[in-house]
């Protein structure tokens, strides 16, 4: 009988050890499941952040492209206006002509001054 008690105690000890191991494994599985759930939640948040950022970036790029198109139209308009302007050479010629006939900058002699000059020379 004492041998039977020893065997029974050994079996009970093994069963207790196995039960403890099973509880530890179950605890590890619960911890792994919680970590997996946490990782999945974080992954979903990051994916949403990336999608929101991508949407914002696409919107910004569209705005930049619209502005660029407007700038190109404005540049074309300026080029057309520049082509219609008088060339610098023609402008200078006109300016010189106006300077010649401008009474403010051109010195005209009055009749009296001419008569005085004639009298001086005689």
N, C-alpha and C. Protein backbone atom coordinates (compact mmCIF):
# COMPACT_ATOMS: atom_id res chain seq x y z
N UNK A 1 0.77 -1.19 0.00
CA UNK A 1 0.00 0.00 0.00
C UNK A 1 0.83 1.28 0.00
N UNK A 2 1.92 1.26 0.76
CA UNK A 2 2.68 2.48 0.72
C UNK A 2 3.20 2.75 -0.69
N UNK A 3 3.50 1.71 -1.45
CA UNK A 3 3.98 1.91 -2.81
C UNK A 3 2.87 2.51 -3.66
N UNK A 4 1.68 2.11 -3.36
CA UNK A 4 0.54 2.62 -4.10
C UNK A 4 0.32 4.10 -3.79
N UNK A 5 0.53 4.49 -2.54
CA UNK A 5 0.39 5.88 -2.13
C UNK A 5 1.47 6.73 -2.81
N UNK A 6 2.65 6.17 -2.90
CA UNK A 6 3.74 6.90 -3.54
C UNK A 6 3.41 7.10 -5.01
N UNK A 7 2.93 6.06 -5.66
CA UNK A 7 2.56 6.16 -7.08
C UNK A 7 1.40 7.14 -7.26
N UNK A 8 0.45 7.07 -6.34
CA UNK A 8 -0.70 7.97 -6.42
C UNK A 8 -0.24 9.41 -6.21
N UNK A 9 0.66 9.61 -5.26
CA UNK A 9 1.19 10.96 -5.02
C UNK A 9 1.96 11.45 -6.25
N UNK A 10 2.72 10.58 -6.89
CA UNK A 10 3.45 10.94 -8.11
C UNK A 10 2.48 11.34 -9.23
N UNK A 11 1.42 10.56 -9.37
CA UNK A 11 0.42 10.83 -10.41
C UNK A 11 -0.28 12.16 -10.10
N UNK A 12 -0.64 12.37 -8.86
CA UNK A 12 -1.31 13.62 -8.47
C UNK A 12 -0.37 14.80 -8.71
N UNK A 13 0.92 14.63 -8.35
CA UNK A 13 1.90 15.69 -8.58
C UNK A 13 2.04 16.01 -10.06
N UNK A 14 2.09 14.96 -10.90
CA UNK A 14 2.18 15.18 -12.35
C UNK A 14 0.93 15.88 -12.89
N UNK A 15 -0.22 15.44 -12.42
CA UNK A 15 -1.47 16.06 -12.85
C UNK A 15 -1.48 17.53 -12.45
N UNK A 16 -1.03 17.82 -11.22
CA UNK A 16 -0.98 19.22 -10.76
C UNK A 16 0.00 20.03 -11.62
N UNK A 17 1.18 19.42 -11.91
CA UNK A 17 2.16 20.11 -12.77
C UNK A 17 1.57 20.37 -14.15
N UNK A 18 0.92 19.35 -14.67
CA UNK A 18 0.31 19.51 -16.01
C UNK A 18 -0.80 20.56 -15.98
N UNK A 19 -1.59 20.57 -14.92
CA UNK A 19 -2.66 21.56 -14.79
C UNK A 19 -2.06 22.97 -14.73
N UNK A 20 -0.96 23.10 -13.96
CA UNK A 20 -0.29 24.39 -13.86
C UNK A 20 0.23 24.83 -15.23
N UNK A 21 0.84 23.89 -15.96
CA UNK A 21 1.34 24.20 -17.29
C UNK A 21 0.21 24.60 -18.22
N UNK A 22 -0.90 23.92 -18.14
CA UNK A 22 -2.06 24.24 -18.99
C UNK A 22 -2.56 25.65 -18.66
N UNK A 23 -2.65 25.99 -17.36
CA UNK A 23 -3.09 27.34 -16.96
C UNK A 23 -2.12 28.40 -17.48
N UNK A 24 -0.80 28.12 -17.38
CA UNK A 24 0.19 29.06 -17.88
C UNK A 24 0.07 29.23 -19.40
N UNK A 25 -0.13 28.11 -20.10
CA UNK A 25 -0.31 28.18 -21.56
C UNK A 25 -1.58 28.95 -21.91
N UNK A 26 -2.66 28.73 -21.16
CA UNK A 26 -3.90 29.46 -21.40
C UNK A 26 -3.69 30.96 -21.16
N UNK A 27 -2.93 31.29 -20.08
CA UNK A 27 -2.64 32.70 -19.79
C UNK A 27 -1.81 33.31 -20.93
N UNK A 28 -0.81 32.56 -21.41
CA UNK A 28 0.00 33.04 -22.53
C UNK A 28 -0.85 33.26 -23.77
N UNK A 29 -1.77 32.35 -24.02
CA UNK A 29 -2.66 32.49 -25.19
C UNK A 29 -3.53 33.73 -25.04
N UNK A 30 -4.07 33.97 -23.81
CA UNK A 30 -4.89 35.17 -23.58
C UNK A 30 -4.06 36.43 -23.82
N UNK A 31 -2.81 36.42 -23.31
CA UNK A 31 -1.94 37.58 -23.50
C UNK A 31 -1.64 37.80 -24.99
N UNK A 32 -1.38 36.72 -25.70
CA UNK A 32 -1.12 36.83 -27.14
C UNK A 32 -2.34 37.35 -27.88
N UNK A 33 -3.53 36.90 -27.49
CA UNK A 33 -4.75 37.38 -28.12
C UNK A 33 -4.95 38.87 -27.87
N UNK A 34 -4.66 39.31 -26.63
CA UNK A 34 -4.77 40.74 -26.32
C UNK A 34 -3.77 41.55 -27.13
N UNK A 35 -2.54 41.07 -27.24
CA UNK A 35 -1.53 41.76 -28.03
C UNK A 35 -1.94 41.82 -29.50
N UNK A 36 -2.48 40.69 -30.00
CA UNK A 36 -2.93 40.66 -31.39
C UNK A 36 -4.06 41.65 -31.61
N UNK A 37 -5.01 41.69 -30.69
CA UNK A 37 -6.12 42.65 -30.80
C UNK A 37 -5.59 44.09 -30.76
N UNK A 38 -4.63 44.34 -29.88
CA UNK A 38 -4.05 45.67 -29.77
C UNK A 38 -3.33 46.05 -31.06
N UNK A 39 -2.56 45.11 -31.61
CA UNK A 39 -1.86 45.36 -32.87
C UNK A 39 -2.85 45.61 -34.02
N UNK A 40 -3.92 44.84 -34.04
CA UNK A 40 -4.93 45.02 -35.10
C UNK A 40 -5.58 46.39 -34.97
N UNK A 41 -5.90 46.79 -33.75
CA UNK A 41 -6.51 48.11 -33.53
C UNK A 41 -5.56 49.22 -33.96
N UNK A 42 -4.31 49.10 -33.56
CA UNK A 42 -3.30 50.10 -33.93
C UNK A 42 -3.10 50.12 -35.45
N UNK A 43 -3.10 48.96 -36.04
CA UNK A 43 -2.94 48.86 -37.50
C UNK A 43 -4.10 49.55 -38.21
N UNK A 44 -5.29 49.35 -37.72
CA UNK A 44 -6.47 49.99 -38.32
C UNK A 44 -6.37 51.51 -38.18
N UNK A 45 -5.93 51.98 -37.01
CA UNK A 45 -5.78 53.43 -36.80
C UNK A 45 -4.74 54.01 -37.75
N UNK A 46 -3.60 53.32 -37.88
CA UNK A 46 -2.55 53.80 -38.77
C UNK A 46 -3.01 53.80 -40.22
N UNK A 47 -3.76 52.76 -40.61
CA UNK A 47 -4.28 52.70 -41.98
C UNK A 47 -5.21 53.87 -42.24
N UNK A 48 -6.08 54.18 -41.26
CA UNK A 48 -6.99 55.31 -41.42
C UNK A 48 -6.20 56.62 -41.52
N UNK A 49 -5.17 56.76 -40.69
CA UNK A 49 -4.33 57.97 -40.75
C UNK A 49 -3.66 58.10 -42.10
N UNK A 50 -3.17 57.00 -42.62
CA UNK A 50 -2.51 57.02 -43.93
C UNK A 50 -3.50 57.37 -45.02
N UNK A 51 -4.69 56.80 -44.96
CA UNK A 51 -5.72 57.10 -45.97
C UNK A 51 -6.12 58.57 -45.90
N UNK A 52 -6.29 59.08 -44.67
CA UNK A 52 -6.64 60.50 -44.51
C UNK A 52 -5.52 61.39 -45.05
N UNK A 53 -4.27 61.03 -44.75
CA UNK A 53 -3.14 61.80 -45.26
C UNK A 53 -3.08 61.75 -46.78
N UNK A 54 -3.35 60.58 -47.34
CA UNK A 54 -3.33 60.44 -48.80
C UNK A 54 -4.42 61.29 -49.43
N UNK A 55 -5.59 61.29 -48.83
CA UNK A 55 -6.69 62.11 -49.34
C UNK A 55 -6.33 63.59 -49.27
N UNK A 56 -5.75 63.99 -48.15
CA UNK A 56 -5.35 65.39 -47.98
C UNK A 56 -4.27 65.77 -49.00
N UNK A 57 -3.33 64.86 -49.21
CA UNK A 57 -2.26 65.12 -50.17
C UNK A 57 -2.82 65.22 -51.58
N UNK A 58 -3.74 64.34 -51.93
CA UNK A 58 -4.36 64.40 -53.26
C UNK A 58 -5.08 65.73 -53.45
N UNK A 59 -5.77 66.17 -52.41
CA UNK A 59 -6.50 67.45 -52.50
C UNK A 59 -5.52 68.60 -52.68
N UNK A 60 -4.43 68.58 -51.93
CA UNK A 60 -3.41 69.62 -52.04
C UNK A 60 -2.78 69.63 -53.43
N UNK A 61 -2.47 68.45 -53.94
CA UNK A 61 -1.89 68.35 -55.28
C UNK A 61 -2.86 68.88 -56.32
N UNK A 62 -4.15 68.58 -56.17
CA UNK A 62 -5.14 69.09 -57.12
C UNK A 62 -5.19 70.61 -57.07
N UNK A 63 -5.13 71.18 -55.87
CA UNK A 63 -5.13 72.64 -55.74
C UNK A 63 -3.88 73.24 -56.40
N UNK A 64 -2.74 72.60 -56.20
CA UNK A 64 -1.50 73.10 -56.80
C UNK A 64 -1.59 73.02 -58.32
N UNK A 65 -2.14 71.92 -58.84
CA UNK A 65 -2.28 71.79 -60.29
C UNK A 65 -3.23 72.84 -60.85
N UNK A 66 -4.30 73.13 -60.11
CA UNK A 66 -5.23 74.18 -60.55
C UNK A 66 -4.53 75.54 -60.58
N UNK A 67 -3.77 75.82 -59.54
CA UNK A 67 -3.04 77.10 -59.51
C UNK A 67 -2.03 77.17 -60.64
N UNK A 68 -1.35 76.07 -60.89
CA UNK A 68 -0.37 76.02 -61.97
C UNK A 68 -1.05 76.28 -63.32
N UNK A 69 -2.22 75.68 -63.51
CA UNK A 69 -2.95 75.90 -64.76
C UNK A 69 -3.33 77.38 -64.89
N UNK A 70 -3.76 77.99 -63.78
CA UNK A 70 -4.11 79.42 -63.81
C UNK A 70 -2.88 80.27 -64.12
N UNK A 71 -1.75 79.91 -63.55
CA UNK A 71 -0.52 80.65 -63.81
C UNK A 71 -0.14 80.54 -65.28
N UNK A 72 -0.28 79.35 -65.85
CA UNK A 72 0.04 79.17 -67.27
C UNK A 72 -0.87 80.03 -68.15
N UNK A 73 -2.15 80.10 -67.79
CA UNK A 73 -3.07 80.95 -68.55
C UNK A 73 -2.65 82.41 -68.42
N UNK A 74 -2.29 82.82 -67.20
CA UNK A 74 -1.86 84.21 -66.99
C UNK A 74 -0.59 84.52 -67.79
N UNK A 75 0.36 83.57 -67.82
CA UNK A 75 1.60 83.78 -68.57
C UNK A 75 1.30 83.91 -70.06
N UNK A 76 0.41 83.07 -70.58
CA UNK A 76 0.02 83.19 -71.99
C UNK A 76 -0.61 84.56 -72.27
N UNK A 77 -1.44 85.01 -71.36
CA UNK A 77 -2.10 86.32 -71.51
C UNK A 77 -1.04 87.43 -71.52
N UNK A 78 -0.08 87.35 -70.62
CA UNK A 78 0.99 88.35 -70.57
C UNK A 78 1.81 88.33 -71.85
N UNK A 79 2.10 87.12 -72.38
CA UNK A 79 2.85 87.02 -73.63
C UNK A 79 2.09 87.70 -74.78
N UNK A 80 0.79 87.46 -74.83
CA UNK A 80 -0.01 88.11 -75.87
C UNK A 80 0.03 89.63 -75.73
N UNK A 81 -0.07 90.12 -74.50
CA UNK A 81 -0.02 91.56 -74.27
C UNK A 81 1.34 92.13 -74.63
N UNK A 82 2.39 91.41 -74.33
CA UNK A 82 3.75 91.88 -74.65
C UNK A 82 3.93 91.98 -76.16
N UNK A 83 3.39 91.00 -76.89
CA UNK A 83 3.51 91.04 -78.36
C UNK A 83 2.82 92.26 -78.94
N UNK A 84 1.77 92.73 -78.26
CA UNK A 84 1.03 93.89 -78.76
C UNK A 84 1.71 95.21 -78.39
N UNK A 85 2.67 95.19 -77.49
CA UNK A 85 3.34 96.42 -77.08
C UNK A 85 4.27 96.93 -78.18
N UNK A 86 4.52 98.22 -78.14
CA UNK A 86 5.42 98.86 -79.11
C UNK A 86 6.85 98.45 -78.77
N UNK A 87 7.64 98.09 -79.77
CA UNK A 87 9.04 97.76 -79.49
C UNK A 87 9.78 98.96 -78.91
N UNK A 88 10.81 98.71 -78.17
CA UNK A 88 11.57 99.76 -77.49
C UNK A 88 12.14 100.78 -78.47
N UNK A 89 12.63 100.32 -79.61
CA UNK A 89 13.23 101.21 -80.60
C UNK A 89 12.18 102.22 -81.09
N UNK A 90 11.00 101.71 -81.41
CA UNK A 90 9.93 102.61 -81.89
C UNK A 90 9.52 103.58 -80.79
N UNK A 91 9.49 103.10 -79.57
CA UNK A 91 9.13 103.97 -78.46
C UNK A 91 10.16 105.10 -78.30
N UNK A 92 11.44 104.76 -78.40
CA UNK A 92 12.49 105.77 -78.28
C UNK A 92 12.40 106.80 -79.40
N UNK A 93 12.12 106.32 -80.61
CA UNK A 93 11.98 107.25 -81.74
C UNK A 93 10.85 108.23 -81.49
N UNK A 94 9.72 107.69 -81.01
CA UNK A 94 8.57 108.55 -80.73
C UNK A 94 8.90 109.52 -79.59
N UNK A 95 9.58 109.05 -78.59
CA UNK A 95 9.97 109.90 -77.48
C UNK A 95 10.89 111.03 -77.95
N UNK A 96 11.85 110.70 -78.80
CA UNK A 96 12.76 111.73 -79.33
C UNK A 96 12.00 112.76 -80.16
N UNK A 97 11.07 112.30 -80.97
CA UNK A 97 10.27 113.20 -81.78
C UNK A 97 9.46 114.14 -80.89
N UNK A 98 8.85 113.59 -79.85
CA UNK A 98 8.07 114.42 -78.93
C UNK A 98 8.95 115.42 -78.21
N UNK A 99 10.16 115.00 -77.86
CA UNK A 99 11.09 115.94 -77.21
C UNK A 99 11.42 117.10 -78.13
N UNK A 100 11.52 116.84 -79.43
CA UNK A 100 11.83 117.90 -80.38
C UNK A 100 10.73 118.94 -80.49
N UNK A 101 9.50 118.46 -80.43
CA UNK A 101 8.40 119.40 -80.64
C UNK A 101 7.75 119.87 -79.34
N UNK A 102 8.28 119.46 -78.22
CA UNK A 102 7.72 119.85 -76.93
C UNK A 102 8.08 121.30 -76.63
N UNK A 103 7.09 122.15 -76.46
CA UNK A 103 7.38 123.57 -76.23
C UNK A 103 7.99 123.84 -74.86
N UNK A 104 7.83 122.94 -73.94
CA UNK A 104 8.37 123.17 -72.59
C UNK A 104 9.88 122.97 -72.58
N UNK A 105 10.35 121.96 -73.27
CA UNK A 105 11.78 121.67 -73.25
C UNK A 105 12.50 122.29 -74.44
N UNK A 106 11.79 122.62 -75.49
CA UNK A 106 12.41 123.21 -76.67
C UNK A 106 12.41 124.73 -76.52
N UNK A 107 13.51 125.33 -76.91
CA UNK A 107 13.61 126.79 -76.79
C UNK A 107 13.20 127.43 -78.11
N UNK A 108 12.12 128.15 -78.06
CA UNK A 108 11.67 128.91 -79.22
C UNK A 108 12.04 130.37 -79.01
N UNK A 109 12.27 130.97 -80.08
CA UNK A 109 12.66 132.38 -80.02
C UNK A 109 11.42 133.21 -80.37
N UNK A 110 11.22 134.24 -79.59
CA UNK A 110 10.08 135.12 -79.88
C UNK A 110 10.50 136.13 -80.95
N UNK A 111 9.53 136.78 -81.51
CA UNK A 111 9.79 137.76 -82.56
C UNK A 111 10.66 138.89 -82.01
N UNK A 112 10.37 139.27 -80.82
CA UNK A 112 11.13 140.36 -80.21
C UNK A 112 12.58 139.95 -80.02
N UNK A 113 12.81 138.70 -79.56
CA UNK A 113 14.18 138.23 -79.36
C UNK A 113 14.94 138.16 -80.69
N UNK A 114 14.25 137.78 -81.75
CA UNK A 114 14.89 137.72 -83.07
C UNK A 114 15.27 139.12 -83.52
N UNK A 115 14.40 140.05 -83.33
CA UNK A 115 14.68 141.42 -83.71
C UNK A 115 15.86 141.97 -82.92
N UNK A 116 15.93 141.65 -81.64
CA UNK A 116 17.05 142.10 -80.81
C UNK A 116 18.35 141.48 -81.28
N UNK A 117 18.32 140.22 -81.63
CA UNK A 117 19.52 139.55 -82.13
C UNK A 117 20.00 140.18 -83.44
N UNK A 118 19.06 140.49 -84.29
CA UNK A 118 19.41 141.12 -85.56
C UNK A 118 20.03 142.48 -85.32
N UNK A 119 19.46 143.24 -84.45
CA UNK A 119 19.99 144.57 -84.15
C UNK A 119 21.38 144.50 -83.54
N UNK A 120 21.61 143.50 -82.71
CA UNK A 120 22.93 143.32 -82.10
C UNK A 120 23.97 143.01 -83.14
N UNK A 121 23.64 142.24 -84.10
CA UNK A 121 24.59 141.81 -85.12
C UNK A 121 24.84 142.95 -86.11
N UNK A 122 23.95 143.85 -86.24
CA UNK A 122 24.13 144.94 -87.17
C UNK A 122 24.83 146.07 -86.55
